[in-house]
Amino acid sequence: MNIARLALSACFTASMACQRFADSGDTTGTSGGGSSQEGMRAPPVPKCAAASTYGSPLPPVENRAARLVLQSVHEWEGPVWVPMLAALFFSEIDYDAAEDAKGAIRSTLKALTPSGSLADFLAQSGSSGLALAGDGQLLAAVYDTRTLATFDVVHQTRADLALLYRGKHLNAPRGVTVRSDGNAYFTDPASRLAEGQTELGFTGVFRLSPANDVTLVDSALHNPLGLTLGLEEASLYVSSEDGNGAVTKYAVAVDGSVSGGAHFVDVPHPAGMTMDCAGHLYVGTGGGTVAVFDANGMQVGEIGVGPRVIDVAFGGPEQKTLFITTGTPSPALFAIDLNVPGLPN
């Protein structure tokens, strides 16, 4: 761990507002749109332990209610656990604030520190979904510039990726996940665009190669939202507003390309999703629960939350804590300790 990371970790441990730390004192970065990051994206941290076997992922039925961690005024999206800092990062969406100069809803990148305090990490981040991408970086879906961006959690900087699809801007990227080889996948609904603002003319699911090439996975889903990779990274799950809500499963090839697209399960108003190390899929629902499915699409149980669920993510020292964010009228952060560790988002 370098000096910058030690300083930032110490800052978090002391529950102070984190400032920029640099290896050389140069902290120049971009907090706006238009810049392009060069080079290959680093893969995230290793996922599940090899050759492990697990029992039931859920505690007894009488203990399946998530506990309240923090109440919020605004909705929190895209939670992701950063092991290097032992902190949970997420995007705070402020629907009540005046829109920014680009007409986008304002959001702030926040972090829940090891002491339990909440820190503003990057103001006006424009972010929604977040994913761990390795080397102290987060890959973020940012809707203010209608692209993806990397957030450096050491230097607290943002660098936009200049992404277009066939020369057209994306809609408003929402969910993002990163494979261990650096391939990334993201959803692009239009729910945060004003009428007639879409250039694409559809809502889609996309792949971003390690060289930052954008390819379309699916343009048939209505407002795709959450997504997660399967246990062996050979499948991709996407939630959408198709019908009353559904999860679609795709095949992912060795090179990261995606094919197929078969109905997996119906879920009422699904949102964020994650996967545990036994292959169980966790889907947040508009009904105030997290539905849990096995690899065959059979529901093995559900976690009671109460308010409408926005997003879910595993974290904690052993990756066994499921963090759950909820939406209006009761935005908050909940958590529950499970029996099986989960994949990082």
Protein backbone atom coordinates (compact mmCIF):
# COMPACT_ATOMS: atom_id res chain seq x y z
CA MET A 1 0.00 0.00 0.00
CA ASN A 2 1.53 3.37 -1.00
CA ILE A 3 1.64 6.57 1.02
CA ALA A 4 -1.48 7.97 -0.61
CA ARG A 5 -3.51 4.89 0.28
CA LEU A 6 -2.17 4.86 3.84
CA ALA A 7 -3.12 8.50 4.22
CA LEU A 8 -6.60 7.97 2.87
CA SER A 9 -7.13 4.89 5.06
CA ALA A 10 -6.00 6.85 8.11
CA CYS A 11 -8.37 9.63 7.13
CA PHE A 12 -11.27 7.19 6.94
CA THR A 13 -10.32 5.50 10.21
CA ALA A 14 -10.40 8.88 11.92
CA SER A 15 -13.78 9.56 10.27
CA MET A 16 -12.55 12.85 8.83
CA ALA A 17 -13.56 14.46 5.58
CA CYS A 18 -11.12 12.96 3.08
CA GLN A 19 -8.95 15.33 1.13
CA ARG A 20 -6.86 14.67 -1.95
CA PHE A 21 -3.65 12.74 -1.42
CA ALA A 22 -1.09 12.19 -4.14
CA ASP A 23 2.07 10.19 -4.52
CA SER A 24 3.92 13.24 -5.87
CA GLY A 25 1.71 16.13 -4.78
CA ASP A 26 0.07 16.47 -8.21
CA THR A 27 -3.65 15.85 -7.73
CA THR A 28 -4.83 17.22 -11.03
CA GLY A 29 -7.93 15.39 -12.24
CA THR A 30 -11.21 16.01 -13.93
CA SER A 31 -14.58 16.37 -12.27
CA GLY A 32 -16.41 17.20 -15.45
CA GLY A 33 -17.18 15.52 -18.74
CA GLY A 34 -15.34 15.16 -21.96
CA SER A 35 -12.01 13.64 -20.95
CA SER A 36 -11.02 10.20 -22.07
CA GLN A 37 -8.98 7.74 -20.03
CA GLU A 38 -6.26 5.92 -21.92
CA GLY A 39 -5.10 2.37 -21.46
CA MET A 40 -6.54 -0.88 -20.26
CA ARG A 41 -8.86 -1.09 -17.28
CA ALA A 42 -7.46 -3.02 -14.33
CA PRO A 43 -9.52 -6.02 -13.19
CA PRO A 44 -11.21 -5.98 -9.76
CA VAL A 45 -10.03 -7.90 -6.72
CA PRO A 46 -10.31 -11.73 -6.74
CA LYS A 47 -13.83 -12.97 -6.20
CA CYS A 48 -14.77 -16.26 -4.46
CA ALA A 49 -12.41 -18.78 -2.89
CA ALA A 50 -11.80 -21.79 -5.13
CA ALA A 51 -13.29 -25.20 -4.30
CA SER A 52 -15.51 -23.88 -1.49
CA THR A 53 -18.83 -25.46 -0.58
CA TYR A 54 -21.68 -23.68 1.18
CA GLY A 55 -24.96 -24.44 2.87
CA SER A 56 -28.09 -22.31 2.93
CA PRO A 57 -27.31 -18.65 2.29
CA LEU A 58 -30.10 -17.28 4.47
CA PRO A 59 -30.51 -17.17 8.25
CA PRO A 60 -33.61 -18.77 9.83
CA VAL A 61 -36.90 -17.27 8.68
CA GLU A 62 -37.43 -15.45 11.97
CA ASN A 63 -34.10 -13.61 11.46
CA ARG A 64 -34.51 -12.58 7.82
CA ALA A 65 -35.44 -8.96 8.37
CA ALA A 66 -32.72 -6.50 7.40
CA ARG A 67 -31.62 -4.04 10.08
CA LEU A 68 -31.62 -0.28 9.56
CA VAL A 69 -28.10 1.18 9.34
CA LEU A 70 -28.74 4.78 8.32
CA GLN A 71 -31.79 6.82 7.43
CA SER A 72 -31.43 9.24 4.54
CA VAL A 73 -33.20 12.22 3.04
CA HIS A 74 -32.21 11.28 -0.51
CA GLU A 75 -32.02 7.98 -2.39
CA TRP A 76 -28.76 6.02 -2.43
CA GLU A 77 -27.79 3.96 -5.48
CA GLY A 78 -24.95 1.77 -6.66
CA PRO A 79 -23.46 0.56 -3.34
CA VAL A 80 -20.04 -1.05 -3.67
CA TRP A 81 -17.67 -2.27 -0.96
CA VAL A 82 -14.03 -1.14 -1.30
CA PRO A 83 -11.89 -3.59 0.71
CA MET A 84 -8.79 -1.36 0.58
CA LEU A 85 -10.62 1.23 2.68
CA ALA A 86 -13.13 -1.05 4.44
CA ALA A 87 -15.76 1.40 3.28
CA LEU A 88 -19.08 1.24 1.43
CA PHE A 89 -19.37 3.74 -1.42
CA PHE A 90 -22.64 4.78 -3.05
CA SER A 91 -24.26 7.57 -5.04
CA GLU A 92 -26.69 9.94 -3.34
CA ILE A 93 -29.36 11.15 -5.78
CA ASP A 94 -30.82 14.54 -4.87
CA TYR A 95 -34.09 14.92 -6.77
CA ASP A 96 -34.92 18.09 -4.83
CA ALA A 97 -31.83 20.10 -5.77
CA ALA A 98 -31.74 22.34 -8.80
CA GLU A 99 -30.47 20.57 -11.89
CA ASP A 100 -26.88 21.21 -12.91
CA ALA A 101 -25.79 23.23 -15.95
CA LYS A 102 -26.36 20.19 -18.18
CA GLY A 103 -29.91 19.71 -16.91
CA ALA A 104 -29.00 16.57 -14.95
CA ILE A 105 -30.19 15.57 -11.50
CA ARG A 106 -27.45 16.18 -8.95
CA SER A 107 -25.68 13.32 -7.20
CA THR A 108 -22.82 13.00 -4.71
CA LEU A 109 -20.41 10.11 -4.22
CA LYS A 110 -20.52 9.19 -0.54
CA ALA A 111 -18.72 6.68 1.66
CA LEU A 112 -19.73 4.93 4.87
CA THR A 113 -16.50 4.85 6.89
CA PRO A 114 -15.33 2.02 9.19
CA SER A 115 -16.48 4.04 12.22
CA GLY A 116 -19.98 4.27 10.80
CA SER A 117 -19.90 7.94 9.83
CA LEU A 118 -20.93 9.23 6.42
CA ALA A 119 -18.43 11.21 4.32
CA ASP A 120 -18.95 13.24 1.15
CA PHE A 121 -16.32 11.78 -1.14
CA LEU A 122 -16.88 13.60 -4.43
CA ALA A 123 -19.40 16.41 -4.83
CA GLN A 124 -21.45 16.63 -8.03
CA SER A 125 -20.27 13.19 -9.08
CA GLY A 126 -23.16 12.71 -11.51
CA SER A 127 -23.00 9.02 -10.65
CA SER A 128 -25.51 6.23 -10.30
CA GLY A 129 -24.26 2.63 -10.40
CA LEU A 130 -20.73 1.81 -9.21
CA ALA A 131 -18.43 -1.18 -9.66
CA LEU A 132 -15.04 -2.15 -8.33
CA ALA A 133 -12.49 -2.08 -11.13
CA GLY A 134 -9.16 -2.63 -9.36
CA ASP A 135 -6.14 -0.41 -8.56
CA GLY A 136 -8.20 1.80 -6.27
CA GLN A 137 -10.60 2.65 -9.07
CA LEU A 138 -14.38 2.59 -9.30
CA LEU A 139 -16.13 2.38 -12.64
CA ALA A 140 -19.25 4.53 -12.49
CA ALA A 141 -22.36 4.98 -14.60
CA VAL A 142 -22.68 8.76 -14.88
CA TYR A 143 -25.80 10.33 -16.29
CA ASP A 144 -24.75 14.00 -16.24
CA THR A 145 -22.46 13.36 -19.23
CA ARG A 146 -24.31 10.22 -20.41
CA THR A 147 -21.29 7.91 -20.26
CA LEU A 148 -19.11 5.92 -17.84
CA ALA A 149 -16.34 7.38 -15.71
CA THR A 150 -13.55 6.14 -13.47
CA PHE A 151 -13.34 7.44 -9.91
CA ASP A 152 -9.93 7.25 -8.24
CA VAL A 153 -10.69 6.59 -4.57
CA VAL A 154 -7.13 7.51 -3.56
CA HIS A 155 -6.99 10.93 -5.22
CA GLN A 156 -10.74 11.63 -5.27
CA THR A 157 -10.78 12.42 -8.97
CA ARG A 158 -13.09 11.61 -11.85
CA ALA A 159 -12.15 10.85 -15.44
CA ASP A 160 -14.90 10.43 -18.04
CA LEU A 161 -14.67 7.85 -20.79
CA ALA A 162 -15.61 9.34 -24.16
CA LEU A 163 -18.14 6.65 -25.07
CA LEU A 164 -20.47 6.73 -28.05
CA TYR A 165 -22.45 4.02 -29.79
CA ARG A 166 -22.37 4.37 -33.56
CA GLY A 167 -21.62 8.06 -33.15
CA LYS A 168 -24.53 8.70 -30.78
CA HIS A 169 -24.56 9.55 -27.09
CA LEU A 170 -25.87 7.04 -24.60
CA ASN A 171 -29.11 7.67 -22.68
CA ALA A 172 -28.39 7.75 -18.93
CA PRO A 173 -26.29 4.73 -17.80
CA ARG A 174 -27.62 3.18 -14.60
CA GLY A 175 -25.97 -0.12 -13.58
CA VAL A 176 -22.43 -1.35 -14.21
CA THR A 177 -20.39 -4.47 -13.42
CA VAL A 178 -16.80 -5.49 -14.22
CA ARG A 179 -15.48 -8.94 -15.10
CA SER A 180 -12.10 -10.16 -13.82
CA ASP A 181 -10.53 -9.70 -17.28
CA GLY A 182 -11.50 -6.01 -17.42
CA ASN A 183 -14.60 -6.35 -19.60
CA ALA A 184 -17.44 -4.22 -18.26
CA TYR A 185 -21.20 -4.35 -18.83
CA PHE A 186 -23.73 -1.60 -18.21
CA THR A 187 -27.42 -0.80 -18.56
CA ASP A 188 -28.66 2.32 -20.31
CA PRO A 189 -32.30 3.17 -19.52
CA ALA A 190 -33.93 6.45 -20.51
CA SER A 191 -35.84 7.07 -17.28
CA ARG A 192 -33.71 10.10 -16.36
CA LEU A 193 -33.94 11.74 -19.76
CA ALA A 194 -36.50 14.36 -20.66
CA GLU A 195 -38.96 13.48 -23.41
CA GLY A 196 -37.25 13.37 -26.80
CA GLN A 197 -33.67 13.64 -25.48
CA THR A 198 -32.55 10.14 -26.45
CA GLU A 199 -30.27 9.94 -29.46
CA LEU A 200 -30.24 6.14 -29.57
CA GLY A 201 -33.98 5.67 -29.85
CA PHE A 202 -33.90 2.60 -27.57
CA THR A 203 -32.88 1.52 -24.08
CA GLY A 204 -30.09 -1.01 -24.01
CA VAL A 205 -27.50 -3.23 -22.40
CA PHE A 206 -23.91 -2.72 -23.52
CA ARG A 207 -20.46 -4.28 -23.21
CA LEU A 208 -17.36 -2.13 -22.76
CA SER A 209 -14.16 -3.98 -23.72
CA PRO A 210 -10.88 -3.42 -21.83
CA ALA A 211 -9.87 -1.19 -24.76
CA ASN A 212 -13.06 0.89 -24.24
CA ASP A 213 -14.89 -0.36 -27.33
CA VAL A 214 -18.69 -0.24 -26.91
CA THR A 215 -20.84 -3.04 -28.33
CA LEU A 216 -24.58 -3.57 -27.99
CA VAL A 217 -25.76 -6.60 -26.02
CA ASP A 218 -29.55 -6.08 -26.23
CA SER A 219 -31.85 -3.29 -27.39
CA ALA A 220 -35.13 -5.10 -26.73
CA LEU A 221 -35.44 -4.63 -22.95
CA HIS A 222 -37.62 -1.85 -21.58
CA ASN A 223 -35.54 0.30 -19.23
CA PRO A 224 -32.90 -2.24 -18.09
CA LEU A 225 -31.71 -1.33 -14.59
CA GLY A 226 -29.56 -3.66 -12.52
CA LEU A 227 -27.10 -6.27 -13.70
CA THR A 228 -24.59 -8.72 -12.30
CA LEU A 229 -22.28 -11.43 -13.57
CA GLY A 230 -22.80 -15.09 -12.72
CA LEU A 231 -20.54 -17.04 -10.41
CA GLU A 232 -18.16 -18.27 -13.14
CA GLU A 233 -18.49 -15.03 -15.12
CA ALA A 234 -19.97 -17.06 -17.99
CA SER A 235 -23.41 -15.48 -17.65
CA LEU A 236 -24.88 -12.02 -17.25
CA TYR A 237 -28.17 -11.22 -15.49
CA VAL A 238 -30.11 -8.03 -16.25
CA SER A 239 -33.25 -6.71 -14.55
CA SER A 240 -35.72 -4.63 -16.53
CA GLU A 241 -39.23 -3.20 -16.54
CA ASP A 242 -40.43 -5.73 -19.15
CA GLY A 243 -43.98 -6.68 -18.20
CA ASN A 244 -44.30 -6.24 -14.45
CA GLY A 245 -40.57 -6.86 -14.12
CA ALA A 246 -38.21 -9.61 -15.19
CA VAL A 247 -34.61 -10.83 -15.11
CA THR A 248 -32.98 -11.90 -18.37
CA LYS A 249 -29.94 -14.20 -18.53
CA TYR A 250 -27.24 -14.02 -21.23
CA ALA A 251 -24.25 -16.21 -22.08
CA VAL A 252 -20.80 -14.61 -21.79
CA ALA A 253 -17.97 -16.09 -23.89
CA VAL A 254 -14.32 -16.39 -22.86
CA ASP A 255 -13.47 -13.20 -24.74
CA GLY A 256 -16.23 -11.28 -22.93
CA SER A 257 -18.69 -11.14 -25.82
CA VAL A 258 -22.35 -11.73 -24.96
CA SER A 259 -25.00 -13.78 -26.75
CA GLY A 260 -28.49 -15.11 -26.25
CA GLY A 261 -30.88 -13.52 -23.83
CA ALA A 262 -33.40 -15.86 -22.21
CA HIS A 263 -36.05 -15.12 -19.62
CA PHE A 264 -34.77 -16.21 -16.20
CA VAL A 265 -37.38 -15.15 -13.62
CA ASP A 266 -40.28 -12.74 -13.18
CA VAL A 267 -39.74 -10.28 -10.33
CA PRO A 268 -42.15 -7.44 -9.47
CA HIS A 269 -40.42 -4.12 -10.19
CA PRO A 270 -36.84 -5.41 -9.93
CA ALA A 271 -33.87 -3.10 -9.47
CA GLY A 272 -30.30 -3.78 -8.31
CA MET A 273 -28.91 -7.32 -8.17
CA THR A 274 -25.88 -9.21 -6.86
CA MET A 275 -24.59 -12.79 -6.66
CA ASP A 276 -23.16 -14.87 -3.83
CA CYS A 277 -20.35 -17.43 -3.96
CA ALA A 278 -22.81 -20.33 -4.09
CA GLY A 279 -24.47 -18.99 -7.23
CA HIS A 280 -27.57 -17.45 -5.62
CA LEU A 281 -29.00 -14.35 -7.29
CA TYR A 282 -30.26 -11.53 -5.05
CA VAL A 283 -32.81 -9.18 -6.63
CA GLY A 284 -34.12 -6.02 -4.99
CA THR A 285 -37.85 -5.53 -5.54
CA GLY A 286 -40.33 -2.69 -5.49
CA GLY A 287 -42.30 -4.67 -2.95
CA GLY A 288 -39.77 -4.01 -0.19
CA THR A 289 -37.93 -7.35 -0.28
CA VAL A 290 -34.80 -8.92 -1.69
CA ALA A 291 -35.78 -12.10 -3.56
CA VAL A 292 -33.16 -14.88 -3.60
CA PHE A 293 -32.98 -17.42 -6.45
CA ASP A 294 -30.83 -20.48 -7.08
CA ALA A 295 -29.02 -21.18 -10.35
CA ASN A 296 -32.17 -22.78 -11.81
CA GLY A 297 -34.37 -19.77 -11.13
CA MET A 298 -36.15 -21.31 -8.14
CA GLN A 299 -36.79 -18.88 -5.31
CA VAL A 300 -35.12 -20.09 -2.11
CA GLY A 301 -36.38 -17.28 0.10
CA GLU A 302 -36.59 -13.55 0.56
CA ILE A 303 -35.21 -10.90 2.88
CA GLY A 304 -37.67 -8.48 4.44
CA VAL A 305 -36.75 -4.81 4.16
CA GLY A 306 -39.96 -2.77 4.08
CA PRO A 307 -39.38 0.22 1.79
CA ARG A 308 -38.91 -0.13 -1.97
CA VAL A 309 -35.47 -1.62 -2.65
CA ILE A 310 -33.14 0.28 -4.99
CA ASP A 311 -29.83 -1.61 -4.87
CA VAL A 312 -27.96 -4.43 -3.14
CA ALA A 313 -24.27 -5.22 -2.63
CA PHE A 314 -22.12 -7.55 -0.57
CA GLY A 315 -19.42 -6.19 1.72
CA GLY A 316 -17.88 -6.33 5.16
CA PRO A 317 -14.66 -8.04 6.28
CA GLU A 318 -15.80 -11.48 5.04
CA GLN A 319 -18.08 -10.24 2.23
CA LYS A 320 -21.04 -11.78 4.10
CA THR A 321 -22.96 -8.58 4.81
CA LEU A 322 -25.63 -7.71 2.27
CA PHE A 323 -26.11 -3.94 2.10
CA ILE A 324 -29.49 -2.75 0.80
CA THR A 325 -30.49 0.77 -0.23
CA THR A 326 -34.13 1.82 -0.37
CA GLY A 327 -36.04 4.58 -2.15
CA THR A 328 -38.61 7.21 -1.41
CA PRO A 329 -40.66 7.72 0.66
CA SER A 330 -38.26 5.98 3.07
CA PRO A 331 -34.72 6.22 1.65
CA ALA A 332 -32.22 4.43 3.86
CA LEU A 333 -29.39 1.92 4.11
CA PHE A 334 -30.17 -1.52 5.53
CA ALA A 335 -27.95 -4.56 6.12
CA ILE A 336 -28.23 -8.24 6.96
CA ASP A 337 -25.54 -10.82 7.76
CA LEU A 338 -25.74 -13.95 5.58
CA ASN A 339 -24.15 -17.40 5.67
CA VAL A 340 -22.46 -17.23 2.26
CA PRO A 341 -20.00 -14.56 1.06
CA GLY A 342 -20.90 -12.58 -2.02
CA LEU A 343 -19.19 -11.31 -5.13
CA PRO A 344 -17.98 -7.72 -5.17
CA ASN A 345 -20.13 -5.46 -7.33
